[in-house]
């Protein structure tokens, strides 16, 4: 139960940070025809998870609860794209290029397909 609390608290902080940063970036690029705020947040989340995972793997920083709080909670609330990026990186790093490419294809196409399907279903109700 304590682990769930760590993830939930971190998720709150990550989600709040995404909301605040996204709003600020949206105001900076108010008339942009491209979602720069989402791209920036996803790239920042990927940079952060890569950096922290590297420190965890090479230097053993962050205990198990802190990892849950930061990696799953904060970064998961900030962007789940960082998890997708890191998991794909792990597959590629471990020599599983095919699995990495399949992961990318499935995440992108199923994700967009699910948004489309949800949109279609919403019109049926």
PDB file of N, CA and C in Angstrom:
ATOM      1  N   UNK A   1       0.814  -1.191   0.000  1.00  0.00           N
ATOM      2  CA  UNK A   1       0.000   0.000   0.000  1.00  0.00           C
ATOM      3  C   UNK A   1       0.860   1.259   0.000  1.00  0.00           C
ATOM      4  N   UNK A   2       2.008   1.204   0.687  1.00  0.00           N
ATOM      5  CA  UNK A   2       2.908   2.346   0.735  1.00  0.00           C
ATOM      6  C   UNK A   2       3.475   2.644  -0.652  1.00  0.00           C
ATOM      7  N   UNK A   3       3.762   1.595  -1.426  1.00  0.00           N
ATOM      8  CA  UNK A   3       4.273   1.789  -2.787  1.00  0.00           C
ATOM      9  C   UNK A   3       3.255   2.528  -3.645  1.00  0.00           C
ATOM     10  N   UNK A   4       1.997   2.170  -3.493  1.00  0.00           N
ATOM     11  CA  UNK A   4       0.936   2.831  -4.237  1.00  0.00           C
ATOM     12  C   UNK A   4       0.869   4.316  -3.865  1.00  0.00           C
ATOM     13  N   UNK A   5       1.065   4.625  -2.604  1.00  0.00           N
ATOM     14  CA  UNK A   5       1.059   6.005  -2.146  1.00  0.00           C
ATOM     15  C   UNK A   5       2.217   6.792  -2.765  1.00  0.00           C
ATOM     16  N   UNK A   6       3.403   6.183  -2.817  1.00  0.00           N
ATOM     17  CA  UNK A   6       4.560   6.840  -3.447  1.00  0.00           C
ATOM     18  C   UNK A   6       4.287   7.136  -4.917  1.00  0.00           C
ATOM     19  N   UNK A   7       3.744   6.150  -5.630  1.00  0.00           N
ATOM     20  CA  UNK A   7       3.438   6.346  -7.051  1.00  0.00           C
ATOM     21  C   UNK A   7       2.369   7.424  -7.227  1.00  0.00           C
ATOM     22  N   UNK A   8       1.334   7.380  -6.404  1.00  0.00           N
ATOM     23  CA  UNK A   8       0.260   8.364  -6.503  1.00  0.00           C
ATOM     24  C   UNK A   8       0.734   9.783  -6.220  1.00  0.00           C
ATOM     25  N   UNK A   9       1.549   9.950  -5.205  1.00  0.00           N
ATOM     26  CA  UNK A   9       2.081  11.287  -4.887  1.00  0.00           C
ATOM     27  C   UNK A   9       2.984  11.791  -6.006  1.00  0.00           C
ATOM     28  N   UNK A  10       3.825  10.909  -6.504  1.00  0.00           N
ATOM     29  CA  UNK A  10       4.684  11.283  -7.624  1.00  0.00           C
ATOM     30  C   UNK A  10       3.864  11.599  -8.864  1.00  0.00           C
ATOM     31  N   UNK A  11       2.814  10.811  -9.097  1.00  0.00           N
ATOM     32  CA  UNK A  11       1.942  11.053 -10.243  1.00  0.00           C
ATOM     33  C   UNK A  11       1.271  12.415 -10.169  1.00  0.00           C
ATOM     34  N   UNK A  12       0.857  12.793  -8.971  1.00  0.00           N
ATOM     35  CA  UNK A  12       0.277  14.126  -8.799  1.00  0.00           C
ATOM     36  C   UNK A  12       1.278  15.205  -9.187  1.00  0.00           C
ATOM     37  N   UNK A  13       2.500  15.073  -8.696  1.00  0.00           N
ATOM     38  CA  UNK A  13       3.517  16.084  -8.997  1.00  0.00           C
ATOM     39  C   UNK A  13       3.845  16.132 -10.485  1.00  0.00           C
ATOM     40  N   UNK A  14       3.967  14.953 -11.105  1.00  0.00           N
ATOM     41  CA  UNK A  14       4.263  14.902 -12.535  1.00  0.00           C
ATOM     42  C   UNK A  14       3.136  15.472 -13.376  1.00  0.00           C
ATOM     43  N   UNK A  15       1.910  15.136 -13.024  1.00  0.00           N
ATOM     44  CA  UNK A  15       0.755  15.653 -13.764  1.00  0.00           C
ATOM     45  C   UNK A  15       0.627  17.168 -13.600  1.00  0.00           C
ATOM     46  N   UNK A  16       0.848  17.651 -12.397  1.00  0.00           N
ATOM     47  CA  UNK A  16       0.790  19.095 -12.156  1.00  0.00           C
ATOM     48  C   UNK A  16       1.897  19.809 -12.932  1.00  0.00           C
ATOM     49  N   UNK A  17       3.081  19.218 -12.948  1.00  0.00           N
ATOM     50  CA  UNK A  17       4.189  19.815 -13.702  1.00  0.00           C
ATOM     51  C   UNK A  17       3.882  19.841 -15.193  1.00  0.00           C
ATOM     52  N   UNK A  18       3.299  18.765 -15.696  1.00  0.00           N
ATOM     53  CA  UNK A  18       2.933  18.737 -17.120  1.00  0.00           C
ATOM     54  C   UNK A  18       1.908  19.821 -17.425  1.00  0.00           C
ATOM     55  N   UNK A  19       0.910  19.962 -16.582  1.00  0.00           N
ATOM     56  CA  UNK A  19      -0.132  20.966 -16.783  1.00  0.00           C
ATOM     57  C   UNK A  19       0.476  22.373 -16.794  1.00  0.00           C
ATOM     58  N   UNK A  20       1.306  22.672 -15.821  1.00  0.00           N
ATOM     59  CA  UNK A  20       1.901  24.006 -15.727  1.00  0.00           C
ATOM     60  C   UNK A  20       2.858  24.282 -16.881  1.00  0.00           C
ATOM     61  N   UNK A  21       3.744  23.345 -17.173  1.00  0.00           N
ATOM     62  CA  UNK A  21       4.694  23.521 -18.262  1.00  0.00           C
ATOM     63  C   UNK A  21       3.978  23.573 -19.606  1.00  0.00           C
ATOM     64  N   UNK A  22       3.000  22.690 -19.802  1.00  0.00           N
ATOM     65  CA  UNK A  22       2.247  22.686 -21.045  1.00  0.00           C
ATOM     66  C   UNK A  22       1.514  23.991 -21.268  1.00  0.00           C
ATOM     67  N   UNK A  23       0.916  24.549 -20.223  1.00  0.00           N
ATOM     68  CA  UNK A  23       0.231  25.827 -20.336  1.00  0.00           C
ATOM     69  C   UNK A  23       1.186  26.958 -20.679  1.00  0.00           C
ATOM     70  N   UNK A  24       2.334  26.965 -20.025  1.00  0.00           N
ATOM     71  CA  UNK A  24       3.336  27.988 -20.297  1.00  0.00           C
ATOM     72  C   UNK A  24       3.839  27.881 -21.738  1.00  0.00           C
ATOM     73  N   UNK A  25       4.162  26.667 -22.175  1.00  0.00           N
ATOM     74  CA  UNK A  25       4.636  26.469 -23.550  1.00  0.00           C
ATOM     75  C   UNK A  25       3.552  26.816 -24.566  1.00  0.00           C
ATOM     76  N   UNK A  26       2.324  26.491 -24.238  1.00  0.00           N
ATOM     77  CA  UNK A  26       1.210  26.801 -25.141  1.00  0.00           C
ATOM     78  C   UNK A  26       1.061  28.311 -25.315  1.00  0.00           C
ATOM     79  N   UNK A  27       1.260  29.054 -24.244  1.00  0.00           N
ATOM     80  CA  UNK A  27       1.189  30.519 -24.342  1.00  0.00           C
ATOM     81  C   UNK A  27       2.343  31.075 -25.172  1.00  0.00           C
ATOM     82  N   UNK A  28       3.522  30.453 -25.081  1.00  0.00           N
ATOM     83  CA  UNK A  28       4.666  30.906 -25.865  1.00  0.00           C
ATOM     84  C   UNK A  28       4.444  30.695 -27.362  1.00  0.00           C
ATOM     85  N   UNK A  29       3.818  29.581 -27.698  1.00  0.00           N
ATOM     86  CA  UNK A  29       3.585  29.232 -29.106  1.00  0.00           C
ATOM     87  C   UNK A  29       2.089  29.259 -29.394  1.00  0.00           C
ATOM     88  N   UNK A  30       1.444  30.338 -29.020  1.00  0.00           N
ATOM     89  CA  UNK A  30      -0.017  30.430 -29.066  1.00  0.00           C
ATOM     90  C   UNK A  30      -0.619  30.154 -30.438  1.00  0.00           C
ATOM     91  N   UNK A  31       0.051  30.517 -31.477  1.00  0.00           N
ATOM     92  CA  UNK A  31      -0.523  30.348 -32.814  1.00  0.00           C
ATOM     93  C   UNK A  31       0.192  29.280 -33.624  1.00  0.00           C
ATOM     94  N   UNK A  32       0.930  28.440 -32.962  1.00  0.00           N
ATOM     95  CA  UNK A  32       1.676  27.391 -33.660  1.00  0.00           C
ATOM     96  C   UNK A  32       0.726  26.360 -34.255  1.00  0.00           C
ATOM     97  N   UNK A  33       1.104  25.836 -35.388  1.00  0.00           N
ATOM     98  CA  UNK A  33       0.302  24.813 -36.055  1.00  0.00           C
ATOM     99  C   UNK A  33       0.810  23.412 -35.731  1.00  0.00           C
ATOM    100  N   UNK A  34       1.671  23.316 -34.735  1.00  0.00           N
ATOM    101  CA  UNK A  34       2.271  22.057 -34.338  1.00  0.00           C
ATOM    102  C   UNK A  34       2.228  21.972 -32.826  1.00  0.00           C
ATOM    103  N   UNK A  35       1.984  20.791 -32.256  1.00  0.00           N
ATOM    104  CA  UNK A  35       1.890  20.665 -30.783  1.00  0.00           C
ATOM    105  C   UNK A  35       3.263  20.656 -30.109  1.00  0.00           C
ATOM    106  N   UNK A  36       3.919  21.815 -30.104  1.00  0.00           N
ATOM    107  CA  UNK A  36       5.258  21.932 -29.535  1.00  0.00           C
ATOM    108  C   UNK A  36       5.290  21.594 -28.054  1.00  0.00           C
ATOM    109  N   UNK A  37       4.217  21.925 -27.339  1.00  0.00           N
ATOM    110  CA  UNK A  37       4.230  21.654 -25.901  1.00  0.00           C
ATOM    111  C   UNK A  37       4.296  20.164 -25.613  1.00  0.00           C
ATOM    112  N   UNK A  38       3.545  19.359 -26.363  1.00  0.00           N
ATOM    113  CA  UNK A  38       3.582  17.910 -26.156  1.00  0.00           C
ATOM    114  C   UNK A  38       4.932  17.344 -26.552  1.00  0.00           C
ATOM    115  N   UNK A  39       5.466  17.796 -27.671  1.00  0.00           N
ATOM    116  CA  UNK A  39       6.783  17.340 -28.116  1.00  0.00           C
ATOM    117  C   UNK A  39       7.852  17.677 -27.086  1.00  0.00           C
ATOM    118  N   UNK A  40       7.807  18.892 -26.567  1.00  0.00           N
ATOM    119  CA  UNK A  40       8.795  19.320 -25.577  1.00  0.00           C
ATOM    120  C   UNK A  40       8.685  18.512 -24.295  1.00  0.00           C
ATOM    121  N   UNK A  41       7.467  18.317 -23.828  1.00  0.00           N
ATOM    122  CA  UNK A  41       7.260  17.549 -22.596  1.00  0.00           C
ATOM    123  C   UNK A  41       7.697  16.107 -22.784  1.00  0.00           C
ATOM    124  N   UNK A  42       7.338  15.494 -23.913  1.00  0.00           N
ATOM    125  CA  UNK A  42       7.752  14.110 -24.151  1.00  0.00           C
ATOM    126  C   UNK A  42       9.266  13.992 -24.256  1.00  0.00           C
ATOM    127  N   UNK A  43       9.908  14.923 -24.953  1.00  0.00           N
ATOM    128  CA  UNK A  43      11.365  14.883 -25.074  1.00  0.00           C
ATOM    129  C   UNK A  43      12.031  15.093 -23.712  1.00  0.00           C
ATOM    130  N   UNK A  44      11.507  16.032 -22.928  1.00  0.00           N
ATOM    131  CA  UNK A  44      12.064  16.281 -21.600  1.00  0.00           C
ATOM    132  C   UNK A  44      11.895  15.060 -20.697  1.00  0.00           C
ATOM    133  N   UNK A  45      10.734  14.421 -20.762  1.00  0.00           N
ATOM    134  CA  UNK A  45      10.509  13.213 -19.966  1.00  0.00           C
ATOM    135  C   UNK A  45      11.444  12.090 -20.372  1.00  0.00           C
ATOM    136  N   UNK A  46      11.677  11.948 -21.676  1.00  0.00           N
ATOM    137  CA  UNK A  46      12.604  10.912 -22.158  1.00  0.00           C
ATOM    138  C   UNK A  46      14.034  11.207 -21.714  1.00  0.00           C
ATOM    139  N   UNK A  47      14.434  12.474 -21.797  1.00  0.00           N
ATOM    140  CA  UNK A  47      15.771  12.853 -21.330  1.00  0.00           C
ATOM    141  C   UNK A  47      15.916  12.549 -19.843  1.00  0.00           C
ATOM    142  N   UNK A  48      14.905  12.905 -19.068  1.00  0.00           N
ATOM    143  CA  UNK A  48      14.958  12.687 -17.617  1.00  0.00           C
ATOM    144  C   UNK A  48      15.012  11.204 -17.269  1.00  0.00           C
ATOM    145  N   UNK A  49      14.175  10.377 -17.910  1.00  0.00           N
ATOM    146  CA  UNK A  49      14.177   8.960 -17.561  1.00  0.00           C
ATOM    147  C   UNK A  49      15.471   8.285 -18.022  1.00  0.00           C
ATOM    148  N   UNK A  50      16.004   8.723 -19.159  1.00  0.00           N
ATOM    149  CA  UNK A  50      17.282   8.172 -19.604  1.00  0.00           C
ATOM    150  C   UNK A  50      18.406   8.519 -18.658  1.00  0.00           C
ATOM    151  N   UNK A  51      18.449   9.772 -18.230  1.00  0.00           N
ATOM    152  CA  UNK A  51      19.473  10.227 -17.297  1.00  0.00           C
ATOM    153  C   UNK A  51      19.367   9.496 -15.962  1.00  0.00           C
ATOM    154  N   UNK A  52      18.166   9.452 -15.409  1.00  0.00           N
ATOM    155  CA  UNK A  52      17.979   8.802 -14.108  1.00  0.00           C
ATOM    156  C   UNK A  52      18.213   7.302 -14.177  1.00  0.00           C
ATOM    157  N   UNK A  53      17.734   6.655 -15.238  1.00  0.00           N
ATOM    158  CA  UNK A  53      17.968   5.212 -15.379  1.00  0.00           C
ATOM    159  C   UNK A  53      19.450   4.921 -15.504  1.00  0.00           C
ATOM    160  N   UNK A  54      20.163   5.795 -16.214  1.00  0.00           N
ATOM    161  CA  UNK A  54      21.610   5.631 -16.318  1.00  0.00           C
ATOM    162  C   UNK A  54      22.295   5.744 -14.966  1.00  0.00           C
ATOM    163  N   UNK A  55      21.872   6.724 -14.164  1.00  0.00           N
ATOM    164  CA  UNK A  55      22.438   6.866 -12.818  1.00  0.00           C
ATOM    165  C   UNK A  55      22.099   5.664 -11.940  1.00  0.00           C
ATOM    166  N   UNK A  56      20.890   5.177 -12.072  1.00  0.00           N
ATOM    167  CA  UNK A  56      20.476   4.013 -11.284  1.00  0.00           C
ATOM    168  C   UNK A  56      21.315   2.799 -11.668  1.00  0.00           C
ATOM    169  N   UNK A  57      21.491   2.572 -12.972  1.00  0.00           N
ATOM    170  CA  UNK A  57      22.221   1.396 -13.446  1.00  0.00           C
ATOM    171  C   UNK A  57      23.712   1.474 -13.152  1.00  0.00           C
ATOM    172  N   UNK A  58      24.317   2.667 -13.277  1.00  0.00           N
ATOM    173  CA  UNK A  58      25.769   2.776 -13.121  1.00  0.00           C
ATOM    174  C   UNK A  58      26.210   3.146 -11.725  1.00  0.00           C
ATOM    175  N   UNK A  59      25.378   3.877 -10.990  1.00  0.00           N
ATOM    176  CA  UNK A  59      25.794   4.366  -9.679  1.00  0.00           C
ATOM    177  C   UNK A  59      24.914   3.888  -8.542  1.00  0.00           C
ATOM    178  N   UNK A  60      23.834   3.198  -8.874  1.00  0.00           N
ATOM    179  CA  UNK A  60      22.955   2.661  -7.839  1.00  0.00           C
ATOM    180  C   UNK A  60      22.217   3.717  -7.033  1.00  0.00           C
ATOM    181  N   UNK A  61      22.017   4.893  -7.630  1.00  0.00           N
ATOM    182  CA  UNK A  61      21.288   5.934  -6.892  1.00  0.00           C
ATOM    183  C   UNK A  61      19.810   5.593  -6.850  1.00  0.00           C
ATOM    184  N   UNK A  62      19.128   6.091  -5.891  1.00  0.00           N
ATOM    185  CA  UNK A  62      17.693   5.900  -5.655  1.00  0.00           C
ATOM    186  C   UNK A  62      17.358   4.473  -5.232  1.00  0.00           C
ATOM    187  N   UNK A  63      16.779   4.366  -4.079  1.00  0.00           N
ATOM    188  CA  UNK A  63      16.296   3.074  -3.599  1.00  0.00           C
ATOM    189  C   UNK A  63      14.996   2.699  -4.301  1.00  0.00           C
ATOM    190  N   UNK A  64      14.471   1.509  -4.014  1.00  0.00           N
ATOM    191  CA  UNK A  64      13.261   1.031  -4.699  1.00  0.00           C
ATOM    192  C   UNK A  64      12.059   1.971  -4.575  1.00  0.00           C
ATOM    193  N   UNK A  65      11.808   2.520  -3.392  1.00  0.00           N
ATOM    194  CA  UNK A  65      10.669   3.415  -3.217  1.00  0.00           C
ATOM    195  C   UNK A  65      10.885   4.723  -3.966  1.00  0.00           C
ATOM    196  N   UNK A  66      12.105   5.231  -3.936  1.00  0.00           N
ATOM    197  CA  UNK A  66      12.415   6.475  -4.639  1.00  0.00           C
ATOM    198  C   UNK A  66      12.290   6.277  -6.152  1.00  0.00           C
ATOM    199  N   UNK A  67      12.682   5.114  -6.634  1.00  0.00           N
ATOM    200  CA  UNK A  67      12.525   4.822  -8.066  1.00  0.00           C
ATOM    201  C   UNK A  67      11.051   4.829  -8.457  1.00  0.00           C
ATOM    202  N   UNK A  68      10.218   4.199  -7.640  1.00  0.00           N
ATOM    203  CA  UNK A  68       8.775   4.212  -7.907  1.00  0.00           C
ATOM    204  C   UNK A  68       8.243   5.643  -7.913  1.00  0.00           C
ATOM    205  N   UNK A  69       8.651   6.407  -6.914  1.00  0.00           N
ATOM    206  CA  UNK A  69       8.184   7.781  -6.789  1.00  0.00           C
ATOM    207  C   UNK A  69       8.593   8.618  -8.000  1.00  0.00           C
ATOM    208  N   UNK A  70       9.850   8.515  -8.406  1.00  0.00           N
ATOM    209  CA  UNK A  70      10.367   9.369  -9.474  1.00  0.00           C
ATOM    210  C   UNK A  70      10.038   8.817 -10.860  1.00  0.00           C
ATOM    211  N   UNK A  71      10.411   7.556 -11.124  1.00  0.00           N
ATOM    212  CA  UNK A  71      10.275   7.011 -12.480  1.00  0.00           C
ATOM    213  C   UNK A  71       8.821   6.704 -12.845  1.00  0.00           C
ATOM    214  N   UNK A  72       8.127   6.010 -11.970  1.00  0.00           N
ATOM    215  CA  UNK A  72       6.736   5.632 -12.269  1.00  0.00           C
ATOM    216  C   UNK A  72       5.788   6.780 -11.929  1.00  0.00           C
ATOM    217  N   UNK A  73       5.982   7.384 -10.759  1.00  0.00           N
ATOM    218  CA  UNK A  73       5.080   8.438 -10.313  1.00  0.00           C
ATOM    219  C   UNK A  73       5.273   9.749 -11.048  1.00  0.00           C
ATOM    220  N   UNK A  74       6.380  10.433 -10.768  1.00  0.00           N
ATOM    221  CA  UNK A  74       6.583  11.759 -11.358  1.00  0.00           C
ATOM    222  C   UNK A  74       6.652  11.684 -12.878  1.00  0.00           C
ATOM    223  N   UNK A  75       7.559  10.867 -13.402  1.00  0.00           N
ATOM    224  CA  UNK A  75       7.699  10.824 -14.863  1.00  0.00           C
ATOM    225  C   UNK A  75       6.511  10.155 -15.538  1.00  0.00           C
ATOM    226  N   UNK A  76       5.865   9.204 -14.862  1.00  0.00           N
ATOM    227  CA  UNK A  76       4.656   8.600 -15.411  1.00  0.00           C
ATOM    228  C   UNK A  76       3.513   9.594 -15.481  1.00  0.00           C
ATOM    229  N   UNK A  77       3.425  10.473 -14.474  1.00  0.00           N
ATOM    230  CA  UNK A  77       2.414  11.527 -14.506  1.00  0.00           C
ATOM    231  C   UNK A  77       2.769  12.619 -15.497  1.00  0.00           C
ATOM    232  N   UNK A  78       4.054  12.875 -15.649  1.00  0.00           N
ATOM    233  CA  UNK A  78       4.524  13.903 -16.567  1.00  0.00           C
ATOM    234  C   UNK A  78       4.319  13.458 -18.013  1.00  0.00           C
ATOM    235  N   UNK A  79       4.706  12.232 -18.310  1.00  0.00           N
ATOM    236  CA  UNK A  79       4.519  11.671 -19.651  1.00  0.00           C
ATOM    237  C   UNK A  79       4.785  10.179 -19.637  1.00  0.00           C
ATOM    238  N   UNK A  80       3.844   9.382 -20.117  1.00  0.00           N
ATOM    239  CA  UNK A  80       4.117   7.948 -20.253  1.00  0.00           C
ATOM    240  C   UNK A  80       4.987   7.684 -21.475  1.00  0.00           C
ATOM    241  N   UNK A  81       5.152   8.700 -22.310  1.00  0.00           N
ATOM    242  CA  UNK A  81       6.012   8.544 -23.474  1.00  0.00           C
ATOM    243  C   UNK A  81       7.449   8.265 -23.045  1.00  0.00           C
ATOM    244  N   UNK A  82       7.848   8.790 -21.880  1.00  0.00           N
ATOM    245  CA  UNK A  82       9.193   8.526 -21.390  1.00  0.00           C
ATOM    246  C   UNK A  82       9.377   7.039 -21.112  1.00  0.00           C
ATOM    247  N   UNK A  83       8.360   6.379 -20.576  1.00  0.00           N
ATOM    248  CA  UNK A  83       8.432   4.932 -20.351  1.00  0.00           C
ATOM    249  C   UNK A  83       8.545   4.188 -21.673  1.00  0.00           C
ATOM    250  N   UNK A  84       7.749   4.590 -22.639  1.00  0.00           N
ATOM    251  CA  UNK A  84       7.810   3.997 -23.976  1.00  0.00           C
ATOM    252  C   UNK A  84       9.213   4.171 -24.573  1.00  0.00           C
ATOM    253  N   UNK A  85       9.761   5.371 -24.465  1.00  0.00           N
ATOM    254  CA  UNK A  85      11.097   5.621 -24.999  1.00  0.00           C
ATOM    255  C   UNK A  85      12.149   4.773 -24.309  1.00  0.00           C
ATOM    256  N   UNK A  86      12.079   4.688 -22.995  1.00  0.00           N
ATOM    257  CA  UNK A  86      13.075   3.911 -22.245  1.00  0.00           C
ATOM    258  C   UNK A  86      12.951   2.418 -22.518  1.00  0.00           C
ATOM    259  N   UNK A  87      11.734   1.908 -22.559  1.00  0.00           N
ATOM    260  CA  UNK A  87      11.542   0.481 -22.826  1.00  0.00           C
ATOM    261  C   UNK A  87      12.022   0.115 -24.228  1.00  0.00           C
ATOM    262  N   UNK A  88      11.788   1.003 -25.191  1.00  0.00           N
ATOM    263  CA  UNK A  88      12.274   0.764 -26.544  1.00  0.00           C
ATOM    264  C   UNK A  88      13.798   0.805 -26.569  1.00  0.00           C
ATOM    265  N   UNK A  89      14.382   1.762 -25.874  1.00  0.00           N
ATOM    266  CA  UNK A  89      15.832   1.849 -25.759  1.00  0.00           C
ATOM    267  C   UNK A  89      16.417   0.567 -25.177  1.00  0.00           C
ATOM    268  N   UNK A  90      15.789   0.053 -24.118  1.00  0.00           N
ATOM    269  CA  UNK A  90      16.272  -1.177 -23.497  1.00  0.00           C
ATOM    270  C   UNK A  90      16.257  -2.337 -24.488  1.00  0.00           C
ATOM    271  N   UNK A  91      15.176  -2.460 -25.241  1.00  0.00           N
ATOM    272  CA  UNK A  91      15.088  -3.530 -26.242  1.00  0.00           C
ATOM    273  C   UNK A  91      16.204  -3.385 -27.264  1.00  0.00           C
ATOM    274  N   UNK A  92      16.411  -2.187 -27.773  1.00  0.00           N
ATOM    275  CA  UNK A  92      17.454  -1.966 -28.780  1.00  0.00           C
ATOM    276  C   UNK A  92      18.840  -2.192 -28.196  1.00  0.00           C
ATOM    277  N   UNK A  93      19.067  -1.696 -26.997  1.00  0.00           N
ATOM    278  CA  UNK A  93      20.361  -1.859 -26.326  1.00  0.00           C
ATOM    279  C   UNK A  93      20.678  -3.332 -26.073  1.00  0.00           C
ATOM    280  N   UNK A  94      19.625  -4.108 -25.786  1.00  0.00           N
ATOM    281  CA  UNK A  94      19.806  -5.526 -25.502  1.00  0.00           C
ATOM    282  C   UNK A  94      19.849  -6.380 -26.768  1.00  0.00           C
ATOM    283  N   UNK A  95      19.955  -5.734 -27.918  1.00  0.00           N
ATOM    284  CA  UNK A  95      20.085  -6.461 -29.173  1.00  0.00           C
ATOM    285  C   UNK A  95      18.771  -6.999 -29.716  1.00  0.00           C
ATOM    286  N   UNK A  96      17.664  -6.513 -29.220  1.00  0.00           N
ATOM    287  CA  UNK A  96      16.361  -6.975 -29.675  1.00  0.00           C
ATOM    288  C   UNK A  96      15.740  -5.925 -30.606  1.00  0.00           C
ATOM    289  N   UNK A  97      16.426  -5.696 -31.733  1.00  0.00           N
ATOM    290  CA  UNK A  97      16.001  -4.653 -32.670  1.00  0.00           C
ATOM    291  C   UNK A  97      14.598  -4.912 -33.213  1.00  0.00           C
ATOM    292  N   UNK A  98      14.297  -6.150 -33.546  1.00  0.00           N
ATOM    293  CA  UNK A  98      12.976  -6.454 -34.083  1.00  0.00           C
ATOM    294  C   UNK A  98      11.890  -6.154 -33.052  1.00  0.00           C
ATOM    295  N   UNK A  99      12.117  -6.581 -31.819  1.00  0.00           N
ATOM    296  CA  UNK A  99      11.149  -6.301 -30.758  1.00  0.00           C
ATOM    297  C   UNK A  99      11.017  -4.792 -30.543  1.00  0.00           C
ATOM    298  N   UNK A 100      12.119  -4.065 -30.624  1.00  0.00           N
ATOM    299  CA  UNK A 100      12.070  -2.612 -30.479  1.00  0.00           C
ATOM    300  C   UNK A 100      11.248  -1.960 -31.577  1.00  0.00           C
ATOM    301  N   UNK A 101      11.461  -2.405 -32.821  1.00  0.00           N
ATOM    302  CA  UNK A 101      10.699  -1.841 -33.941  1.00  0.00           C
ATOM    303  C   UNK A 101       9.224  -2.206 -33.850  1.00  0.00           C
ATOM    304  N   UNK A 102       8.941  -3.435 -33.413  1.00  0.00           N
ATOM    305  CA  UNK A 102       7.546  -3.843 -33.239  1.00  0.00           C
ATOM    306  C   UNK A 102       6.891  -3.009 -32.144  1.00  0.00           C
ATOM    307  N   UNK A 103       7.636  -2.764 -31.066  1.00  0.00           N
ATOM    308  CA  UNK A 103       7.111  -1.936 -29.979  1.00  0.00           C
ATOM    309  C   UNK A 103       6.758  -0.541 -30.488  1.00  0.00           C
ATOM    310  N   UNK A 104       7.643   0.066 -31.258  1.00  0.00           N
ATOM    311  CA  UNK A 104       7.381   1.399 -31.799  1.00  0.00           C
ATOM    312  C   UNK A 104       6.136   1.379 -32.681  1.00  0.00           C
ATOM    313  N   UNK A 105       6.094   0.418 -33.603  1.00  0.00           N
ATOM    314  CA  UNK A 105       4.969   0.341 -34.538  1.00  0.00           C
ATOM    315  C   UNK A 105       3.648   0.117 -33.796  1.00  0.00           C
ATOM    316  N   UNK A 106       3.638  -0.818 -32.857  1.00  0.00           N
ATOM    317  CA  UNK A 106       2.404  -1.111 -32.133  1.00  0.00           C
ATOM    318  C   UNK A 106       1.960   0.065 -31.272  1.00  0.00           C
ATOM    319  N   UNK A 107       2.914   0.675 -30.564  1.00  0.00           N
ATOM    320  CA  UNK A 107       2.555   1.804 -29.704  1.00  0.00           C
ATOM    321  C   UNK A 107       1.947   2.934 -30.521  1.00  0.00           C
ATOM    322  N   UNK A 108       2.576   3.257 -31.647  1.00  0.00           N
ATOM    323  CA  UNK A 108       2.103   4.381 -32.459  1.00  0.00           C
ATOM    324  C   UNK A 108       0.787   4.033 -33.152  1.00  0.00           C
ATOM    325  N   UNK A 109       0.761   2.913 -33.871  1.00  0.00           N
ATOM    326  CA  UNK A 109      -0.430   2.601 -34.652  1.00  0.00           C
ATOM    327  C   UNK A 109      -1.620   2.184 -33.797  1.00  0.00           C
ATOM    328  N   UNK A 110      -1.379   1.402 -32.741  1.00  0.00           N
ATOM    329  CA  UNK A 110      -2.490   1.053 -31.852  1.00  0.00           C
ATOM    330  C   UNK A 110      -2.982   2.276 -31.091  1.00  0.00           C
ATOM    331  N   UNK A 111      -2.054   3.130 -30.684  1.00  0.00           N
ATOM    332  CA  UNK A 111      -2.449   4.340 -29.971  1.00  0.00           C
ATOM    333  C   UNK A 111      -3.321   5.240 -30.832  1.00  0.00           C
ATOM    334  N   UNK A 112      -2.870   5.503 -32.051  1.00  0.00           N
ATOM    335  CA  UNK A 112      -3.660   6.354 -32.944  1.00  0.00           C
ATOM    336  C   UNK A 112      -4.957   5.648 -33.321  1.00  0.00           C
ATOM    337  N   UNK A 113      -4.890   4.349 -33.564  1.00  0.00           N
ATOM    338  CA  UNK A 113      -6.095   3.583 -33.883  1.00  0.00           C
ATOM    339  C   UNK A 113      -7.098   3.601 -32.743  1.00  0.00           C
ATOM    340  N   UNK A 114      -6.609   3.512 -31.515  1.00  0.00           N
ATOM    341  CA  UNK A 114      -7.497   3.536 -30.354  1.00  0.00           C
ATOM    342  C   UNK A 114      -8.151   4.909 -30.201  1.00  0.00           C
ATOM    343  N   UNK A 115      -7.400   5.977 -30.461  1.00  0.00           N
ATOM    344  CA  UNK A 115      -7.995   7.314 -30.419  1.00  0.00           C
ATOM    345  C   UNK A 115      -9.095   7.421 -31.474  1.00  0.00           C
ATOM    346  N   UNK A 116      -8.818   6.942 -32.675  1.00  0.00           N
ATOM    347  CA  UNK A 116      -9.809   6.966 -33.747  1.00  0.00           C
ATOM    348  C   UNK A 116     -11.045   6.151 -33.359  1.00  0.00           C
ATOM    349  N   UNK A 117     -10.824   4.931 -32.847  1.00  0.00           N
ATOM    350  CA  UNK A 117     -11.943   4.072 -32.457  1.00  0.00           C
ATOM    351  C   UNK A 117     -12.764   4.705 -31.343  1.00  0.00           C
ATOM    352  N   UNK A 118     -12.080   5.277 -30.351  1.00  0.00           N
ATOM    353  CA  UNK A 118     -12.788   5.952 -29.269  1.00  0.00           C
ATOM    354  C   UNK A 118     -13.624   7.105 -29.787  1.00  0.00           C
ATOM    355  N   UNK A 119     -13.068   7.834 -30.738  1.00  0.00           N
ATOM    356  CA  UNK A 119     -13.805   8.958 -31.323  1.00  0.00           C
ATOM    357  C   UNK A 119     -15.036   8.467 -32.069  1.00  0.00           C
ATOM    358  N   UNK A 120     -14.882   7.394 -32.839  1.00  0.00           N
ATOM    359  CA  UNK A 120     -16.012   6.814 -33.566  1.00  0.00           C
ATOM    360  C   UNK A 120     -17.073   6.308 -32.582  1.00  0.00           C
ATOM    361  N   UNK A 121     -16.647   5.581 -31.552  1.00  0.00           N
ATOM    362  CA  UNK A 121     -17.581   5.049 -30.559  1.00  0.00           C
ATOM    363  C   UNK A 121     -18.330   6.165 -29.839  1.00  0.00           C
ATOM    364  N   UNK A 122     -17.637   7.284 -29.608  1.00  0.00           N
ATOM    365  CA  UNK A 122     -18.299   8.398 -28.911  1.00  0.00           C
ATOM    366  C   UNK A 122     -19.464   8.945 -29.722  1.00  0.00           C
ATOM    367  N   UNK A 123     -19.384   8.823 -31.006  1.00  0.00           N
ATOM    368  CA  UNK A 123     -20.459   9.341 -31.865  1.00  0.00           C
ATOM    369  C   UNK A 123     -21.635   8.382 -31.913  1.00  0.00           C
ATOM    370  N   UNK A 124     -21.404   7.131 -31.517  1.00  0.00           N
ATOM    371  CA  UNK A 124     -22.481   6.138 -31.519  1.00  0.00           C
ATOM    372  C   UNK A 124     -23.356   6.236 -30.278  1.00  0.00           C
ATOM    373  N   UNK A 125     -22.863   6.898 -29.250  1.00  0.00           N
ATOM    374  CA  UNK A 125     -23.607   6.992 -27.992  1.00  0.00           C
ATOM    375  C   UNK A 125     -24.222   8.347 -27.798  1.00  0.00           C
TER     376      UNK A 125
END
